[in-house]
Amino acid sequence: MAVTKISGMSRMVLGFEVGMDEFGRPVVRSQTLQNVRPDADDQDVYDVAQALASLQAYPLSHVVRVDQAQLTE
């Protein structure tokens, strides 16, 4: 039987470099934003992340997009 994918909501995780630890490694704190449309283009999600990061006090380290989906028969 064929498996069907039902797209769920997505979220994006923004990582901010907030300083250095005692060993000189960067300390990163994450901010998760829920309810990203699963059909949103990756470039659009990245652009929004960049715009939000410009409002923060710390530099943006990384952007992660997490897509959820349900697999059914």
N, C-alpha and C. Protein backbone atom coordinates (compact mmCIF):
# COMPACT_ATOMS: atom_id res chain seq x y z
N MET A 1 0.84 -1.17 0.00
CA MET A 1 0.00 0.00 0.00
C MET A 1 0.89 1.24 0.00
N ALA A 2 0.48 2.26 -0.72
CA ALA A 2 1.26 3.49 -0.85
C ALA A 2 1.14 4.34 0.41
N VAL A 3 2.22 4.97 0.74
CA VAL A 3 2.25 5.86 1.90
C VAL A 3 1.95 7.28 1.44
N THR A 4 1.11 7.96 2.19
CA THR A 4 0.74 9.34 1.89
C THR A 4 1.33 10.26 2.95
N LYS A 5 1.86 11.37 2.50
CA LYS A 5 2.43 12.36 3.42
C LYS A 5 1.45 13.50 3.59
N ILE A 6 1.10 13.78 4.85
CA ILE A 6 0.22 14.91 5.17
C ILE A 6 1.09 15.95 5.88
N SER A 7 1.29 17.07 5.20
CA SER A 7 2.15 18.12 5.77
C SER A 7 1.51 18.74 7.00
N GLY A 8 2.32 18.96 8.00
CA GLY A 8 1.89 19.65 9.21
C GLY A 8 2.52 21.02 9.26
N MET A 9 2.50 21.62 10.41
CA MET A 9 3.10 22.94 10.55
C MET A 9 4.62 22.82 10.62
N SER A 10 5.25 23.92 10.34
CA SER A 10 6.70 24.02 10.40
C SER A 10 7.08 25.00 11.50
N ARG A 11 8.34 24.98 11.86
CA ARG A 11 8.86 25.98 12.78
C ARG A 11 10.28 26.32 12.36
N MET A 12 10.73 27.48 12.80
CA MET A 12 12.11 27.85 12.53
C MET A 12 12.80 28.14 13.85
N VAL A 13 14.05 27.77 13.89
CA VAL A 13 14.87 27.95 15.08
C VAL A 13 16.01 28.89 14.72
N LEU A 14 16.08 29.99 15.45
CA LEU A 14 17.15 30.95 15.24
C LEU A 14 18.16 30.79 16.37
N GLY A 15 19.41 30.64 16.02
CA GLY A 15 20.48 30.51 17.00
C GLY A 15 21.25 31.82 17.09
N PHE A 16 21.41 32.32 18.30
CA PHE A 16 22.13 33.57 18.53
C PHE A 16 23.39 33.31 19.35
N GLU A 17 24.50 33.87 18.91
CA GLU A 17 25.75 33.73 19.63
C GLU A 17 25.79 34.80 20.73
N VAL A 18 25.66 34.35 21.98
CA VAL A 18 25.52 35.29 23.10
C VAL A 18 26.82 35.53 23.86
N GLY A 19 27.88 34.87 23.47
CA GLY A 19 29.16 35.07 24.14
C GLY A 19 30.07 33.87 23.97
N MET A 20 31.07 33.80 24.84
CA MET A 20 32.04 32.71 24.80
C MET A 20 32.10 32.05 26.17
N ASP A 21 32.35 30.73 26.17
CA ASP A 21 32.50 30.05 27.46
C ASP A 21 33.96 30.16 27.92
N GLU A 22 34.27 29.50 29.03
CA GLU A 22 35.61 29.61 29.60
C GLU A 22 36.70 28.98 28.74
N PHE A 23 36.30 28.17 27.74
CA PHE A 23 37.26 27.53 26.85
C PHE A 23 37.37 28.25 25.50
N GLY A 24 36.68 29.37 25.37
CA GLY A 24 36.74 30.14 24.14
C GLY A 24 35.78 29.67 23.06
N ARG A 25 34.87 28.78 23.41
CA ARG A 25 33.88 28.30 22.44
C ARG A 25 32.65 29.19 22.48
N PRO A 26 32.01 29.40 21.33
CA PRO A 26 30.81 30.25 21.33
C PRO A 26 29.65 29.61 22.09
N VAL A 27 28.91 30.45 22.81
CA VAL A 27 27.69 30.02 23.50
C VAL A 27 26.52 30.47 22.64
N VAL A 28 25.68 29.52 22.25
CA VAL A 28 24.56 29.81 21.35
C VAL A 28 23.25 29.55 22.10
N ARG A 29 22.34 30.50 22.02
CA ARG A 29 20.99 30.36 22.58
C ARG A 29 20.02 30.34 21.41
N SER A 30 19.00 29.51 21.53
CA SER A 30 18.04 29.34 20.44
C SER A 30 16.69 29.98 20.77
N GLN A 31 16.06 30.49 19.74
CA GLN A 31 14.70 31.02 19.83
C GLN A 31 13.88 30.29 18.77
N THR A 32 12.79 29.62 19.19
CA THR A 32 11.96 28.86 18.27
C THR A 32 10.69 29.64 17.96
N LEU A 33 10.37 29.74 16.68
CA LEU A 33 9.15 30.40 16.23
C LEU A 33 8.25 29.35 15.59
N GLN A 34 7.07 29.19 16.15
CA GLN A 34 6.12 28.16 15.72
C GLN A 34 5.24 28.66 14.57
N ASN A 35 4.47 27.74 14.02
CA ASN A 35 3.42 28.01 13.04
C ASN A 35 3.92 28.67 11.76
N VAL A 36 5.06 28.23 11.29
CA VAL A 36 5.54 28.65 9.97
C VAL A 36 4.77 27.83 8.94
N ARG A 37 4.27 28.47 7.93
CA ARG A 37 3.50 27.75 6.91
C ARG A 37 4.38 26.73 6.21
N PRO A 38 3.92 25.49 6.10
CA PRO A 38 4.75 24.46 5.47
C PRO A 38 5.00 24.71 3.99
N ASP A 39 4.13 25.50 3.35
CA ASP A 39 4.32 25.78 1.92
C ASP A 39 5.14 27.06 1.68
N ALA A 40 5.64 27.67 2.74
CA ALA A 40 6.47 28.87 2.58
C ALA A 40 7.81 28.48 1.96
N ASP A 41 8.28 29.32 1.06
CA ASP A 41 9.58 29.08 0.42
C ASP A 41 10.70 29.21 1.44
N ASP A 42 11.75 28.41 1.25
CA ASP A 42 12.90 28.47 2.15
C ASP A 42 13.52 29.86 2.17
N GLN A 43 13.60 30.50 1.01
CA GLN A 43 14.18 31.84 0.94
C GLN A 43 13.36 32.83 1.76
N ASP A 44 12.03 32.71 1.69
CA ASP A 44 11.17 33.60 2.47
C ASP A 44 11.35 33.38 3.97
N VAL A 45 11.45 32.13 4.38
CA VAL A 45 11.67 31.82 5.80
C VAL A 45 13.01 32.41 6.24
N TYR A 46 14.02 32.26 5.42
CA TYR A 46 15.34 32.79 5.76
C TYR A 46 15.32 34.32 5.84
N ASP A 47 14.62 34.95 4.90
CA ASP A 47 14.53 36.41 4.91
C ASP A 47 13.83 36.92 6.17
N VAL A 48 12.78 36.23 6.60
CA VAL A 48 12.09 36.61 7.83
C VAL A 48 13.03 36.42 9.03
N ALA A 49 13.77 35.34 9.03
CA ALA A 49 14.73 35.10 10.12
C ALA A 49 15.77 36.22 10.18
N GLN A 50 16.26 36.64 9.03
CA GLN A 50 17.23 37.73 8.99
C GLN A 50 16.62 39.03 9.50
N ALA A 51 15.38 39.30 9.12
CA ALA A 51 14.71 40.52 9.57
C ALA A 51 14.52 40.50 11.09
N LEU A 52 14.10 39.36 11.63
CA LEU A 52 13.92 39.24 13.08
C LEU A 52 15.26 39.34 13.81
N ALA A 53 16.29 38.77 13.22
CA ALA A 53 17.61 38.81 13.84
C ALA A 53 18.14 40.24 13.92
N SER A 54 17.77 41.07 12.97
CA SER A 54 18.25 42.46 12.98
C SER A 54 17.68 43.23 14.17
N LEU A 55 16.62 42.72 14.79
CA LEU A 55 16.01 43.37 15.95
C LEU A 55 16.61 42.89 17.27
N GLN A 56 17.49 41.91 17.21
CA GLN A 56 18.06 41.31 18.41
C GLN A 56 19.40 41.95 18.77
N ALA A 57 19.79 41.80 20.01
CA ALA A 57 21.05 42.36 20.48
C ALA A 57 22.26 41.51 20.09
N TYR A 58 22.03 40.22 19.84
CA TYR A 58 23.13 39.29 19.56
C TYR A 58 23.15 38.90 18.08
N PRO A 59 24.33 38.56 17.56
CA PRO A 59 24.41 38.17 16.14
C PRO A 59 23.79 36.79 15.89
N LEU A 60 23.20 36.64 14.73
CA LEU A 60 22.58 35.38 14.32
C LEU A 60 23.66 34.37 13.96
N SER A 61 23.57 33.20 14.55
CA SER A 61 24.54 32.14 14.30
C SER A 61 24.05 31.19 13.21
N HIS A 62 22.77 30.80 13.29
CA HIS A 62 22.22 29.86 12.32
C HIS A 62 20.70 29.93 12.29
N VAL A 63 20.14 29.42 11.20
CA VAL A 63 18.69 29.32 11.03
C VAL A 63 18.39 27.87 10.66
N VAL A 64 17.46 27.26 11.38
CA VAL A 64 17.05 25.88 11.11
C VAL A 64 15.55 25.88 10.86
N ARG A 65 15.14 25.20 9.82
CA ARG A 65 13.71 25.01 9.54
C ARG A 65 13.36 23.56 9.84
N VAL A 66 12.30 23.36 10.62
CA VAL A 66 11.86 22.01 11.00
C VAL A 66 10.45 21.82 10.44
N ASP A 67 10.32 20.89 9.50
CA ASP A 67 9.02 20.58 8.90
C ASP A 67 8.49 19.29 9.51
N GLN A 68 7.21 19.30 9.89
CA GLN A 68 6.58 18.11 10.43
C GLN A 68 5.57 17.58 9.42
N ALA A 69 5.47 16.26 9.35
CA ALA A 69 4.51 15.62 8.45
C ALA A 69 4.07 14.31 9.06
N GLN A 70 2.86 13.92 8.72
CA GLN A 70 2.32 12.64 9.17
C GLN A 70 2.30 11.70 7.98
N LEU A 71 2.78 10.47 8.19
CA LEU A 71 2.77 9.46 7.13
C LEU A 71 1.66 8.47 7.42
N THR A 72 0.79 8.23 6.43
CA THR A 72 -0.32 7.30 6.60
C THR A 72 -0.41 6.40 5.38
N GLU A 73 -1.10 5.29 5.56
CA GLU A 73 -1.33 4.37 4.43
C GLU A 73 -2.65 4.68 3.77
